[in-house]
Amino acid sequence: MSETHDRVEIIGQDSPEHRFSSRSIRSFVLRQGRMSGAQQRYLDEMLPRIGLPYRVEPMDLDAVFGRHGPKIFEIGFGMGETTAKIAAARPDHDFLGIEVHGPGVGALCKLVAENGLSNIRIMQHDAVEVLRDMIPDGALAGVHVFFPDPWRKARHQKRRIIQPDFLALVASKLAPGGYLHCATDWEDYAHWMLEVLAAEPALENTADGFAPRPEYRPLTKFENRGLKLGHGVWDLVFRRRT
């Protein structure tokens, strides 16, 4: 599963950045868990090389990766398996993965080292703050939000990360034609996502409702187990209007 997102109410103004500036916002609940020896070792070794600090200033993504190319922003990469596989399959794209869960950061550091991946950078910080404060408008070719916390109880649904203000912020960071790809294994959340995404005027659906799983998103072990048990998985791919 991806990072656990804890969405809060926002006081809105007239731009995505302003809507996310008046309060401290968190897109997650921090549950660190236990770090294995290998995860800690790779985190200590690799994070100084591929980790980026949070700063309240725009980031030059081409300078960060040392080249010009499409940039993909992933919110909550979990244990990093999917991120590493996608980055390996798309070497011409650069991936900025955001995760607050220490063991997951260590696990992705391990995968980067073992697979010799040069197109991944990691930030261990709140994704909403990174988007708001560090990503220039129109800089991203894509945003991935895979299996966020569905916050199943009705009284908790305001904590879901997929909300109108969040989508307006994401849309402002996408280049024209850039995409937002969401995936969930919780049907109620899937329909919630579809409704909220369809209401964002800067985005358009690439499918008639839910999308078939794009080839670049590999099936995870968790997902495979669920599919064998008859559980559904729903993908949504929306693009920034040109």
C-alpha atoms as a PDB file:
ATOM      1  CA  MET A   1       0.000   0.000   0.000  1.00  0.00           C
ATOM      2  CA  SER A   2       1.035   3.587  -0.470  1.00  0.00           C
ATOM      3  CA  GLU A   3       1.615   6.144   2.239  1.00  0.00           C
ATOM      4  CA  THR A   4      -1.373   6.737   4.502  1.00  0.00           C
ATOM      5  CA  HIS A   5      -2.899  10.085   3.583  1.00  0.00           C
ATOM      6  CA  ASP A   6      -4.531  12.284   6.205  1.00  0.00           C
ATOM      7  CA  ARG A   7      -6.446  15.053   4.448  1.00  0.00           C
ATOM      8  CA  VAL A   8      -7.706  18.061   6.408  1.00  0.00           C
ATOM      9  CA  GLU A   9     -10.062  20.951   5.685  1.00  0.00           C
ATOM     10  CA  ILE A  10      -8.557  23.856   3.729  1.00  0.00           C
ATOM     11  CA  ILE A  11      -9.489  27.519   3.810  1.00  0.00           C
ATOM     12  CA  GLY A  12      -9.731  28.389   0.102  1.00  0.00           C
ATOM     13  CA  GLN A  13      -8.692  31.507  -1.750  1.00  0.00           C
ATOM     14  CA  ASP A  14      -8.238  32.157  -5.463  1.00  0.00           C
ATOM     15  CA  SER A  15      -5.251  29.983  -6.444  1.00  0.00           C
ATOM     16  CA  PRO A  16      -4.132  26.426  -5.664  1.00  0.00           C
ATOM     17  CA  GLU A  17      -1.038  27.680  -3.837  1.00  0.00           C
ATOM     18  CA  HIS A  18      -3.044  30.098  -1.687  1.00  0.00           C
ATOM     19  CA  ARG A  19      -5.563  27.411  -0.870  1.00  0.00           C
ATOM     20  CA  PHE A  20      -2.732  25.369   0.612  1.00  0.00           C
ATOM     21  CA  SER A  21      -0.884  28.175   2.399  1.00  0.00           C
ATOM     22  CA  SER A  22      -3.067  29.251   5.296  1.00  0.00           C
ATOM     23  CA  ARG A  23      -2.673  26.136   7.420  1.00  0.00           C
ATOM     24  CA  SER A  24      -0.247  23.360   8.129  1.00  0.00           C
ATOM     25  CA  ILE A  25      -1.403  20.465   5.960  1.00  0.00           C
ATOM     26  CA  ARG A  26      -0.417  16.836   6.048  1.00  0.00           C
ATOM     27  CA  SER A  27      -1.200  14.284   3.355  1.00  0.00           C
ATOM     28  CA  PHE A  28      -0.389  11.375   5.643  1.00  0.00           C
ATOM     29  CA  VAL A  29      -0.494   9.870   9.095  1.00  0.00           C
ATOM     30  CA  LEU A  30       3.044   9.078  10.183  1.00  0.00           C
ATOM     31  CA  ARG A  31       3.360   5.410  11.154  1.00  0.00           C
ATOM     32  CA  GLN A  32       7.032   4.586  11.044  1.00  0.00           C
ATOM     33  CA  GLY A  33       7.023   0.877  11.821  1.00  0.00           C
ATOM     34  CA  ARG A  34      10.187  -1.121  12.367  1.00  0.00           C
ATOM     35  CA  MET A  35      13.231  -0.567  10.171  1.00  0.00           C
ATOM     36  CA  SER A  36      15.138  -3.718   9.204  1.00  0.00           C
ATOM     37  CA  GLY A  37      18.909  -3.752   9.331  1.00  0.00           C
ATOM     38  CA  ALA A  38      19.155  -3.815   5.532  1.00  0.00           C
ATOM     39  CA  GLN A  39      16.687  -0.971   5.138  1.00  0.00           C
ATOM     40  CA  GLN A  40      18.604   1.148   7.633  1.00  0.00           C
ATOM     41  CA  ARG A  41      21.926   0.334   5.989  1.00  0.00           C
ATOM     42  CA  TYR A  42      20.745   1.282   2.507  1.00  0.00           C
ATOM     43  CA  LEU A  43      18.959   4.358   3.814  1.00  0.00           C
ATOM     44  CA  ASP A  44      22.168   5.536   5.485  1.00  0.00           C
ATOM     45  CA  GLU A  45      24.206   4.803   2.356  1.00  0.00           C
ATOM     46  CA  MET A  46      21.872   5.933  -0.417  1.00  0.00           C
ATOM     47  CA  LEU A  47      19.716   8.737   0.971  1.00  0.00           C
ATOM     48  CA  PRO A  48      22.631  11.226   1.072  1.00  0.00           C
ATOM     49  CA  ARG A  49      23.093  10.477  -2.654  1.00  0.00           C
ATOM     50  CA  ILE A  50      19.502  10.368  -3.948  1.00  0.00           C
ATOM     51  CA  GLY A  51      17.561  12.112  -1.175  1.00  0.00           C
ATOM     52  CA  LEU A  52      16.440  15.719  -1.463  1.00  0.00           C
ATOM     53  CA  PRO A  53      15.762  18.091   1.439  1.00  0.00           C
ATOM     54  CA  TYR A  54      12.520  19.997   1.759  1.00  0.00           C
ATOM     55  CA  ARG A  55      12.882  23.725   1.198  1.00  0.00           C
ATOM     56  CA  VAL A  56      10.328  26.464   0.667  1.00  0.00           C
ATOM     57  CA  GLU A  57      11.685  27.410  -2.754  1.00  0.00           C
ATOM     58  CA  PRO A  58      11.150  26.198  -6.333  1.00  0.00           C
ATOM     59  CA  MET A  59      13.290  23.257  -7.405  1.00  0.00           C
ATOM     60  CA  ASP A  60      15.116  22.968 -10.743  1.00  0.00           C
ATOM     61  CA  LEU A  61      14.193  19.395 -11.609  1.00  0.00           C
ATOM     62  CA  ASP A  62      16.519  19.215 -14.610  1.00  0.00           C
ATOM     63  CA  ALA A  63      19.435  20.201 -12.362  1.00  0.00           C
ATOM     64  CA  VAL A  64      18.374  17.632  -9.745  1.00  0.00           C
ATOM     65  CA  PHE A  65      18.485  14.784 -12.282  1.00  0.00           C
ATOM     66  CA  GLY A  66      21.286  16.182 -14.405  1.00  0.00           C
ATOM     67  CA  ARG A  67      19.322  16.085 -17.629  1.00  0.00           C
ATOM     68  CA  HIS A  68      16.249  17.374 -19.426  1.00  0.00           C
ATOM     69  CA  GLY A  69      13.408  14.876 -19.617  1.00  0.00           C
ATOM     70  CA  PRO A  70       9.864  14.068 -18.456  1.00  0.00           C
ATOM     71  CA  LYS A  71       9.448  14.270 -14.687  1.00  0.00           C
ATOM     72  CA  ILE A  72       7.026  12.016 -12.767  1.00  0.00           C
ATOM     73  CA  PHE A  73       5.970  12.823  -9.199  1.00  0.00           C
ATOM     74  CA  GLU A  74       4.843   9.840  -7.093  1.00  0.00           C
ATOM     75  CA  ILE A  75       2.887  10.391  -3.896  1.00  0.00           C
ATOM     76  CA  GLY A  76       3.359   7.625  -1.335  1.00  0.00           C
ATOM     77  CA  PHE A  77       5.529   4.933  -2.903  1.00  0.00           C
ATOM     78  CA  GLY A  78       5.086   2.509  -0.012  1.00  0.00           C
ATOM     79  CA  MET A  79       7.907  -0.056  -0.090  1.00  0.00           C
ATOM     80  CA  GLY A  80       9.068   1.183  -3.486  1.00  0.00           C
ATOM     81  CA  GLU A  81       8.624  -1.993  -5.532  1.00  0.00           C
ATOM     82  CA  THR A  82       6.313  -0.400  -8.098  1.00  0.00           C
ATOM     83  CA  THR A  83       8.389   2.777  -8.307  1.00  0.00           C
ATOM     84  CA  ALA A  84      11.576   0.828  -8.997  1.00  0.00           C
ATOM     85  CA  LYS A  85       9.932  -1.330 -11.669  1.00  0.00           C
ATOM     86  CA  ILE A  86       8.412   1.647 -13.478  1.00  0.00           C
ATOM     87  CA  ALA A  87      11.679   3.600 -13.347  1.00  0.00           C
ATOM     88  CA  ALA A  88      13.596   0.605 -14.723  1.00  0.00           C
ATOM     89  CA  ALA A  89      11.086   0.195 -17.565  1.00  0.00           C
ATOM     90  CA  ARG A  90      11.060   3.925 -18.412  1.00  0.00           C
ATOM     91  CA  PRO A  91      14.720   5.004 -18.266  1.00  0.00           C
ATOM     92  CA  ASP A  92      13.982   8.138 -20.278  1.00  0.00           C
ATOM     93  CA  HIS A  93      11.727   9.445 -17.462  1.00  0.00           C
ATOM     94  CA  ASP A  94      12.848  10.809 -14.090  1.00  0.00           C
ATOM     95  CA  PHE A  95      10.928   9.932 -10.920  1.00  0.00           C
ATOM     96  CA  LEU A  96      10.618  11.955  -7.726  1.00  0.00           C
ATOM     97  CA  GLY A  97       9.150   9.651  -5.081  1.00  0.00           C
ATOM     98  CA  ILE A  98       7.595  11.069  -1.912  1.00  0.00           C
ATOM     99  CA  GLU A  99       7.191   8.879   1.180  1.00  0.00           C
ATOM    100  CA  VAL A 100       7.290   9.536   4.922  1.00  0.00           C
ATOM    101  CA  HIS A 101       7.444   5.905   6.051  1.00  0.00           C
ATOM    102  CA  GLY A 102      11.057   5.203   7.047  1.00  0.00           C
ATOM    103  CA  PRO A 103      11.124   1.474   6.214  1.00  0.00           C
ATOM    104  CA  GLY A 104       9.644   2.222   2.784  1.00  0.00           C
ATOM    105  CA  VAL A 105      12.303   4.846   2.083  1.00  0.00           C
ATOM    106  CA  GLY A 106      14.987   2.365   3.114  1.00  0.00           C
ATOM    107  CA  ALA A 107      13.439  -0.338   0.932  1.00  0.00           C
ATOM    108  CA  LEU A 108      13.419   1.881  -2.165  1.00  0.00           C
ATOM    109  CA  CYS A 109      17.002   2.958  -1.461  1.00  0.00           C
ATOM    110  CA  LYS A 110      17.912  -0.746  -1.493  1.00  0.00           C
ATOM    111  CA  LEU A 111      16.132  -1.316  -4.816  1.00  0.00           C
ATOM    112  CA  VAL A 112      17.814   1.717  -6.380  1.00  0.00           C
ATOM    113  CA  ALA A 113      21.235   0.427  -5.338  1.00  0.00           C
ATOM    114  CA  GLU A 114      20.619  -3.182  -6.364  1.00  0.00           C
ATOM    115  CA  ASN A 115      19.222  -2.244  -9.783  1.00  0.00           C
ATOM    116  CA  GLY A 116      21.593   0.618 -10.527  1.00  0.00           C
ATOM    117  CA  LEU A 117      18.752   3.069 -11.087  1.00  0.00           C
ATOM    118  CA  SER A 118      19.889   6.609 -11.812  1.00  0.00           C
ATOM    119  CA  ASN A 119      16.469   8.156 -12.525  1.00  0.00           C
ATOM    120  CA  ILE A 120      14.974   8.109  -9.006  1.00  0.00           C
ATOM    121  CA  ARG A 121      15.182  10.774  -6.310  1.00  0.00           C
ATOM    122  CA  ILE A 122      13.464  10.563  -2.926  1.00  0.00           C
ATOM    123  CA  MET A 123      11.956  13.053  -0.526  1.00  0.00           C
ATOM    124  CA  GLN A 124      10.872  12.013   2.960  1.00  0.00           C
ATOM    125  CA  HIS A 125       8.330  14.755   3.507  1.00  0.00           C
ATOM    126  CA  ASP A 126       4.667  15.629   3.101  1.00  0.00           C
ATOM    127  CA  ALA A 127       3.745  15.436  -0.592  1.00  0.00           C
ATOM    128  CA  VAL A 128       1.302  18.357  -0.512  1.00  0.00           C
ATOM    129  CA  GLU A 129       3.953  20.697   0.889  1.00  0.00           C
ATOM    130  CA  VAL A 130       6.515  19.538  -1.677  1.00  0.00           C
ATOM    131  CA  LEU A 131       4.049  20.114  -4.527  1.00  0.00           C
ATOM    132  CA  ARG A 132       2.999  23.495  -3.180  1.00  0.00           C
ATOM    133  CA  ASP A 133       6.415  24.885  -2.279  1.00  0.00           C
ATOM    134  CA  MET A 134       8.981  23.179  -4.516  1.00  0.00           C
ATOM    135  CA  ILE A 135       7.452  22.089  -7.834  1.00  0.00           C
ATOM    136  CA  PRO A 136       7.197  24.861 -10.449  1.00  0.00           C
ATOM    137  CA  ASP A 137       3.918  25.230 -12.305  1.00  0.00           C
ATOM    138  CA  GLY A 138       3.777  23.121 -15.452  1.00  0.00           C
ATOM    139  CA  ALA A 139       6.935  21.179 -14.572  1.00  0.00           C
ATOM    140  CA  LEU A 140       5.532  17.639 -14.344  1.00  0.00           C
ATOM    141  CA  ALA A 141       4.777  15.123 -17.093  1.00  0.00           C
ATOM    142  CA  GLY A 142       2.850  12.953 -14.656  1.00  0.00           C
ATOM    143  CA  VAL A 143       1.691  12.375 -11.085  1.00  0.00           C
ATOM    144  CA  HIS A 144       1.107   8.896  -9.601  1.00  0.00           C
ATOM    145  CA  VAL A 145      -1.149   8.267  -6.600  1.00  0.00           C
ATOM    146  CA  PHE A 146      -1.320   4.495  -6.168  1.00  0.00           C
ATOM    147  CA  PHE A 147      -3.461   2.905  -3.440  1.00  0.00           C
ATOM    148  CA  PRO A 148      -3.813   5.826  -1.017  1.00  0.00           C
ATOM    149  CA  ASP A 149      -5.607   5.268   2.266  1.00  0.00           C
ATOM    150  CA  PRO A 150      -9.354   5.118   1.404  1.00  0.00           C
ATOM    151  CA  TRP A 151     -10.523   6.322   4.831  1.00  0.00           C
ATOM    152  CA  ARG A 152     -13.502   3.984   4.669  1.00  0.00           C
ATOM    153  CA  LYS A 153     -15.658   5.509   7.436  1.00  0.00           C
ATOM    154  CA  ALA A 154     -17.922   8.303   6.226  1.00  0.00           C
ATOM    155  CA  ARG A 155     -16.835  10.679   8.980  1.00  0.00           C
ATOM    156  CA  HIS A 156     -13.195  10.279   7.889  1.00  0.00           C
ATOM    157  CA  GLN A 157     -13.689  10.836   4.156  1.00  0.00           C
ATOM    158  CA  LYS A 158     -12.636  14.474   4.417  1.00  0.00           C
ATOM    159  CA  ARG A 159      -9.150  13.066   5.094  1.00  0.00           C
ATOM    160  CA  ARG A 160      -8.896  11.451   1.663  1.00  0.00           C
ATOM    161  CA  ILE A 161      -6.140  13.022  -0.379  1.00  0.00           C
ATOM    162  CA  ILE A 162      -8.230  13.148  -3.548  1.00  0.00           C
ATOM    163  CA  GLN A 163     -10.153  16.354  -2.912  1.00  0.00           C
ATOM    164  CA  PRO A 164     -11.011  19.345  -5.131  1.00  0.00           C
ATOM    165  CA  ASP A 165      -8.345  21.684  -3.748  1.00  0.00           C
ATOM    166  CA  PHE A 166      -5.656  19.011  -4.006  1.00  0.00           C
ATOM    167  CA  LEU A 167      -6.573  18.283  -7.628  1.00  0.00           C
ATOM    168  CA  ALA A 168      -6.431  21.972  -8.511  1.00  0.00           C
ATOM    169  CA  LEU A 169      -2.913  22.070  -7.065  1.00  0.00           C
ATOM    170  CA  VAL A 170      -1.860  18.946  -8.987  1.00  0.00           C
ATOM    171  CA  ALA A 171      -3.308  20.312 -12.226  1.00  0.00           C
ATOM    172  CA  SER A 172      -1.315  23.526 -11.832  1.00  0.00           C
ATOM    173  CA  LYS A 173       1.933  21.520 -11.632  1.00  0.00           C
ATOM    174  CA  LEU A 174       1.216  19.382 -14.701  1.00  0.00           C
ATOM    175  CA  ALA A 175       2.403  20.456 -18.121  1.00  0.00           C
ATOM    176  CA  PRO A 176      -0.343  20.619 -20.778  1.00  0.00           C
ATOM    177  CA  GLY A 177      -1.023  17.011 -21.711  1.00  0.00           C
ATOM    178  CA  GLY A 178       0.553  15.766 -18.480  1.00  0.00           C
ATOM    179  CA  TYR A 179      -1.352  13.035 -16.666  1.00  0.00           C
ATOM    180  CA  LEU A 180      -2.591  12.141 -13.193  1.00  0.00           C
ATOM    181  CA  HIS A 181      -2.837   8.386 -12.619  1.00  0.00           C
ATOM    182  CA  CYS A 182      -4.704   7.152  -9.531  1.00  0.00           C
ATOM    183  CA  ALA A 183      -5.344   3.547  -8.544  1.00  0.00           C
ATOM    184  CA  THR A 184      -7.310   2.015  -5.677  1.00  0.00           C
ATOM    185  CA  ASP A 185      -8.587  -1.379  -4.599  1.00  0.00           C
ATOM    186  CA  TRP A 186     -11.521   0.139  -2.683  1.00  0.00           C
ATOM    187  CA  GLU A 187     -14.592   0.516  -4.911  1.00  0.00           C
ATOM    188  CA  ASP A 188     -16.244   3.320  -2.938  1.00  0.00           C
ATOM    189  CA  TYR A 189     -13.052   5.368  -3.131  1.00  0.00           C
ATOM    190  CA  ALA A 190     -12.759   4.622  -6.850  1.00  0.00           C
ATOM    191  CA  HIS A 191     -16.169   6.193  -7.500  1.00  0.00           C
ATOM    192  CA  TRP A 192     -15.297   9.090  -5.192  1.00  0.00           C
ATOM    193  CA  MET A 193     -12.106   9.689  -7.194  1.00  0.00           C
ATOM    194  CA  LEU A 194     -13.962   9.527 -10.492  1.00  0.00           C
ATOM    195  CA  GLU A 195     -16.547  12.073  -9.339  1.00  0.00           C
ATOM    196  CA  VAL A 196     -14.020  14.527  -7.910  1.00  0.00           C
ATOM    197  CA  LEU A 197     -11.621  14.200 -10.845  1.00  0.00           C
ATOM    198  CA  ALA A 198     -14.404  14.739 -13.363  1.00  0.00           C
ATOM    199  CA  ALA A 199     -15.333  17.992 -11.600  1.00  0.00           C
ATOM    200  CA  GLU A 200     -11.838  19.501 -11.982  1.00  0.00           C
ATOM    201  CA  PRO A 201     -12.056  21.755 -15.063  1.00  0.00           C
ATOM    202  CA  ALA A 202      -8.321  21.629 -15.832  1.00  0.00           C
ATOM    203  CA  LEU A 203      -8.361  17.827 -16.193  1.00  0.00           C
ATOM    204  CA  GLU A 204     -10.024  15.520 -18.709  1.00  0.00           C
ATOM    205  CA  ASN A 205     -10.592  11.777 -18.526  1.00  0.00           C
ATOM    206  CA  THR A 206      -8.598   9.644 -20.949  1.00  0.00           C
ATOM    207  CA  ALA A 207     -11.219   6.893 -20.746  1.00  0.00           C
ATOM    208  CA  ASP A 208     -14.966   6.512 -20.571  1.00  0.00           C
ATOM    209  CA  GLY A 209     -15.034   6.171 -16.783  1.00  0.00           C
ATOM    210  CA  PHE A 210     -12.329   3.947 -15.338  1.00  0.00           C
ATOM    211  CA  ALA A 211      -9.234   3.215 -17.394  1.00  0.00           C
ATOM    212  CA  PRO A 212      -7.632  -0.131 -18.150  1.00  0.00           C
ATOM    213  CA  ARG A 213      -4.431  -0.592 -16.156  1.00  0.00           C
ATOM    214  CA  PRO A 214      -1.628   1.061 -18.154  1.00  0.00           C
ATOM    215  CA  GLU A 215       1.164  -1.349 -19.042  1.00  0.00           C
ATOM    216  CA  TYR A 216       3.711   0.715 -17.128  1.00  0.00           C
ATOM    217  CA  ARG A 217       1.972   0.070 -13.790  1.00  0.00           C
ATOM    218  CA  PRO A 218       3.007  -3.441 -12.718  1.00  0.00           C
ATOM    219  CA  LEU A 219       0.813  -5.661 -10.600  1.00  0.00           C
ATOM    220  CA  THR A 220       2.031  -5.743  -7.009  1.00  0.00           C
ATOM    221  CA  LYS A 221       2.092  -8.919  -4.918  1.00  0.00           C
ATOM    222  CA  PHE A 222      -0.705  -7.491  -2.801  1.00  0.00           C
ATOM    223  CA  GLU A 223      -2.743  -6.681  -5.886  1.00  0.00           C
ATOM    224  CA  ASN A 224      -2.199 -10.119  -7.402  1.00  0.00           C
ATOM    225  CA  ARG A 225      -3.413 -11.767  -4.216  1.00  0.00           C
ATOM    226  CA  GLY A 226      -6.514  -9.584  -4.210  1.00  0.00           C
ATOM    227  CA  LEU A 227      -7.325 -10.288  -7.845  1.00  0.00           C
ATOM    228  CA  LYS A 228      -7.102 -14.032  -7.216  1.00  0.00           C
ATOM    229  CA  LEU A 229      -9.643 -13.552  -4.428  1.00  0.00           C
ATOM    230  CA  GLY A 230     -11.958 -11.652  -6.733  1.00  0.00           C
ATOM    231  CA  HIS A 231     -11.143  -8.183  -5.443  1.00  0.00           C
ATOM    232  CA  GLY A 232     -11.274  -5.327  -7.930  1.00  0.00           C
ATOM    233  CA  VAL A 233      -8.689  -2.676  -8.744  1.00  0.00           C
ATOM    234  CA  TRP A 234      -9.673   0.593 -10.413  1.00  0.00           C
ATOM    235  CA  ASP A 235      -7.351   2.877 -12.395  1.00  0.00           C
ATOM    236  CA  LEU A 236      -8.122   6.456 -13.397  1.00  0.00           C
ATOM    237  CA  VAL A 237      -5.970   8.415 -15.820  1.00  0.00           C
ATOM    238  CA  PHE A 238      -6.783  12.089 -16.356  1.00  0.00           C
ATOM    239  CA  ARG A 239      -4.790  14.570 -18.445  1.00  0.00           C
ATOM    240  CA  ARG A 240      -4.146  18.288 -18.111  1.00  0.00           C
ATOM    241  CA  ARG A 241      -6.176  20.053 -20.743  1.00  0.00           C
ATOM    242  CA  THR A 242      -4.182  21.752 -23.471  1.00  0.00           C
END
